[in-house]
Amino acid sequence: MDILYHPARLDYGLTTFFGQISKTVDCEVGLETVADDPYRFTLCVKAPVPEDLDQAKIVVVKVDGRTLQGSVRETEPLQDGGMKLQVEPD
């Protein structure tokens, strides 16, 4: 199944030795549902992705006039250099 990507603003939070760090990136994202957990959603970020995105603990994405946010539960690199993040909404 092909993913339909849309321009988005992605804010994500990292936990470091120095505390929380927030970062922002303009990118293209696609949204998918999670088959075994309809409460969660999958955020597919098109390459190129920030090198530290796989370490994100929280995300806020603004896409198509909507704002979605939540805690990152799983990450998975994609073959094309993109990344999937499974998110549990707040």
C-alpha atoms as a PDB file:
ATOM      1  CA  MET A   1       0.000   0.000   0.000  1.00  0.00           C
ATOM      2  CA  ASP A   2       1.341   3.414  -0.979  1.00  0.00           C
ATOM      3  CA  ILE A   3       1.412   6.095   1.681  1.00  0.00           C
ATOM      4  CA  LEU A   4      -0.151   9.465   0.826  1.00  0.00           C
ATOM      5  CA  TYR A   5       2.199  12.152   2.175  1.00  0.00           C
ATOM      6  CA  HIS A   6       1.252  15.717   3.146  1.00  0.00           C
ATOM      7  CA  PRO A   7       3.374  18.734   4.157  1.00  0.00           C
ATOM      8  CA  ALA A   8       3.540  19.038   7.940  1.00  0.00           C
ATOM      9  CA  ARG A   9       5.277  20.673  10.869  1.00  0.00           C
ATOM     10  CA  LEU A  10       6.649  18.093  13.277  1.00  0.00           C
ATOM     11  CA  ASP A  11       7.682  19.017  16.812  1.00  0.00           C
ATOM     12  CA  TYR A  12       9.389  16.272  18.777  1.00  0.00           C
ATOM     13  CA  GLY A  13      10.915  15.940  22.212  1.00  0.00           C
ATOM     14  CA  LEU A  14      14.087  14.135  23.223  1.00  0.00           C
ATOM     15  CA  THR A  15      15.194  13.162  26.704  1.00  0.00           C
ATOM     16  CA  THR A  16      18.898  13.781  27.348  1.00  0.00           C
ATOM     17  CA  PHE A  17      21.240  13.942  30.330  1.00  0.00           C
ATOM     18  CA  PHE A  18      20.513  17.680  30.365  1.00  0.00           C
ATOM     19  CA  GLY A  19      16.723  17.295  30.363  1.00  0.00           C
ATOM     20  CA  GLN A  20      14.095  17.635  27.655  1.00  0.00           C
ATOM     21  CA  ILE A  21      15.057  19.097  24.282  1.00  0.00           C
ATOM     22  CA  SER A  22      12.389  20.174  21.780  1.00  0.00           C
ATOM     23  CA  LYS A  23      13.045  20.229  18.051  1.00  0.00           C
ATOM     24  CA  THR A  24      10.965  21.238  15.037  1.00  0.00           C
ATOM     25  CA  VAL A  25      11.168  20.143  11.414  1.00  0.00           C
ATOM     26  CA  ASP A  26       9.083  20.830   8.314  1.00  0.00           C
ATOM     27  CA  CYS A  27       8.603  17.544   6.495  1.00  0.00           C
ATOM     28  CA  GLU A  28       6.141  15.332   4.658  1.00  0.00           C
ATOM     29  CA  VAL A  29       4.131  12.807   6.662  1.00  0.00           C
ATOM     30  CA  GLY A  30       1.510  10.151   6.129  1.00  0.00           C
ATOM     31  CA  LEU A  31      -0.894   8.790   8.719  1.00  0.00           C
ATOM     32  CA  GLU A  32      -1.936   5.167   9.147  1.00  0.00           C
ATOM     33  CA  THR A  33      -4.082   3.335  11.660  1.00  0.00           C
ATOM     34  CA  VAL A  34      -2.653   0.535  13.798  1.00  0.00           C
ATOM     35  CA  ALA A  35      -4.528  -2.687  13.003  1.00  0.00           C
ATOM     36  CA  ASP A  36      -4.439  -4.261  16.451  1.00  0.00           C
ATOM     37  CA  ASP A  37      -4.851  -0.993  18.390  1.00  0.00           C
ATOM     38  CA  PRO A  38      -7.252   1.518  16.797  1.00  0.00           C
ATOM     39  CA  TYR A  39      -6.470   4.042  19.542  1.00  0.00           C
ATOM     40  CA  ARG A  40      -2.881   4.471  18.282  1.00  0.00           C
ATOM     41  CA  PHE A  41      -1.753   5.878  14.951  1.00  0.00           C
ATOM     42  CA  THR A  42       1.366   5.490  12.841  1.00  0.00           C
ATOM     43  CA  LEU A  43       3.171   8.571  11.605  1.00  0.00           C
ATOM     44  CA  CYS A  44       5.202   7.869   8.453  1.00  0.00           C
ATOM     45  CA  VAL A  45       7.862  10.535   7.918  1.00  0.00           C
ATOM     46  CA  LYS A  46       9.242  10.822   4.396  1.00  0.00           C
ATOM     47  CA  ALA A  47      13.031  10.936   3.914  1.00  0.00           C
ATOM     48  CA  PRO A  48      15.129  12.811   4.720  1.00  0.00           C
ATOM     49  CA  VAL A  49      14.400  12.516   8.442  1.00  0.00           C
ATOM     50  CA  PRO A  50      16.352  14.112  11.295  1.00  0.00           C
ATOM     51  CA  GLU A  51      19.049  11.715  12.509  1.00  0.00           C
ATOM     52  CA  ASP A  52      17.718  11.798  16.081  1.00  0.00           C
ATOM     53  CA  LEU A  53      14.028  11.285  15.267  1.00  0.00           C
ATOM     54  CA  ASP A  54      14.244   7.612  16.270  1.00  0.00           C
ATOM     55  CA  GLN A  55      14.960   8.802  19.828  1.00  0.00           C
ATOM     56  CA  ALA A  56      11.834  10.987  20.066  1.00  0.00           C
ATOM     57  CA  LYS A  57       9.694  10.426  23.158  1.00  0.00           C
ATOM     58  CA  ILE A  58       6.817  12.770  22.253  1.00  0.00           C
ATOM     59  CA  VAL A  59       5.552  14.240  18.977  1.00  0.00           C
ATOM     60  CA  VAL A  60       3.180  17.002  17.939  1.00  0.00           C
ATOM     61  CA  VAL A  61       2.351  17.067  14.238  1.00  0.00           C
ATOM     62  CA  LYS A  62       0.339  19.728  12.422  1.00  0.00           C
ATOM     63  CA  VAL A  63      -0.974  18.389   9.118  1.00  0.00           C
ATOM     64  CA  ASP A  64      -3.994  19.248   6.961  1.00  0.00           C
ATOM     65  CA  GLY A  65      -5.347  21.693   9.548  1.00  0.00           C
ATOM     66  CA  ARG A  66      -5.233  19.119  12.353  1.00  0.00           C
ATOM     67  CA  THR A  67      -2.926  18.815  15.325  1.00  0.00           C
ATOM     68  CA  LEU A  68      -2.106  15.344  16.621  1.00  0.00           C
ATOM     69  CA  GLN A  69       0.115  14.633  19.600  1.00  0.00           C
ATOM     70  CA  GLY A  70       1.215  11.764  21.740  1.00  0.00           C
ATOM     71  CA  SER A  71       3.941   9.527  23.102  1.00  0.00           C
ATOM     72  CA  VAL A  72       6.123   7.550  20.714  1.00  0.00           C
ATOM     73  CA  ARG A  73       5.838   3.833  21.518  1.00  0.00           C
ATOM     74  CA  GLU A  74       7.801   2.302  18.616  1.00  0.00           C
ATOM     75  CA  THR A  75       9.991   3.451  15.738  1.00  0.00           C
ATOM     76  CA  GLU A  76      10.871   1.614  12.543  1.00  0.00           C
ATOM     77  CA  PRO A  77      13.183   2.737   9.731  1.00  0.00           C
ATOM     78  CA  LEU A  78      11.738   2.475   6.217  1.00  0.00           C
ATOM     79  CA  GLN A  79      13.628   1.122   3.207  1.00  0.00           C
ATOM     80  CA  ASP A  80      13.426   4.488   1.433  1.00  0.00           C
ATOM     81  CA  GLY A  81      15.176   6.289   4.323  1.00  0.00           C
ATOM     82  CA  GLY A  82      11.968   7.442   5.979  1.00  0.00           C
ATOM     83  CA  MET A  83      10.709   6.418   9.401  1.00  0.00           C
ATOM     84  CA  LYS A  84       7.525   5.069  10.990  1.00  0.00           C
ATOM     85  CA  LEU A  85       6.606   6.168  14.494  1.00  0.00           C
ATOM     86  CA  GLN A  86       3.793   4.430  16.353  1.00  0.00           C
ATOM     87  CA  VAL A  87       2.146   7.056  18.555  1.00  0.00           C
ATOM     88  CA  GLU A  88      -0.244   6.740  21.490  1.00  0.00           C
ATOM     89  CA  PRO A  89      -2.324   9.944  21.662  1.00  0.00           C
ATOM     90  CA  ASP A  90      -2.340  11.999  24.863  1.00  0.00           C
END
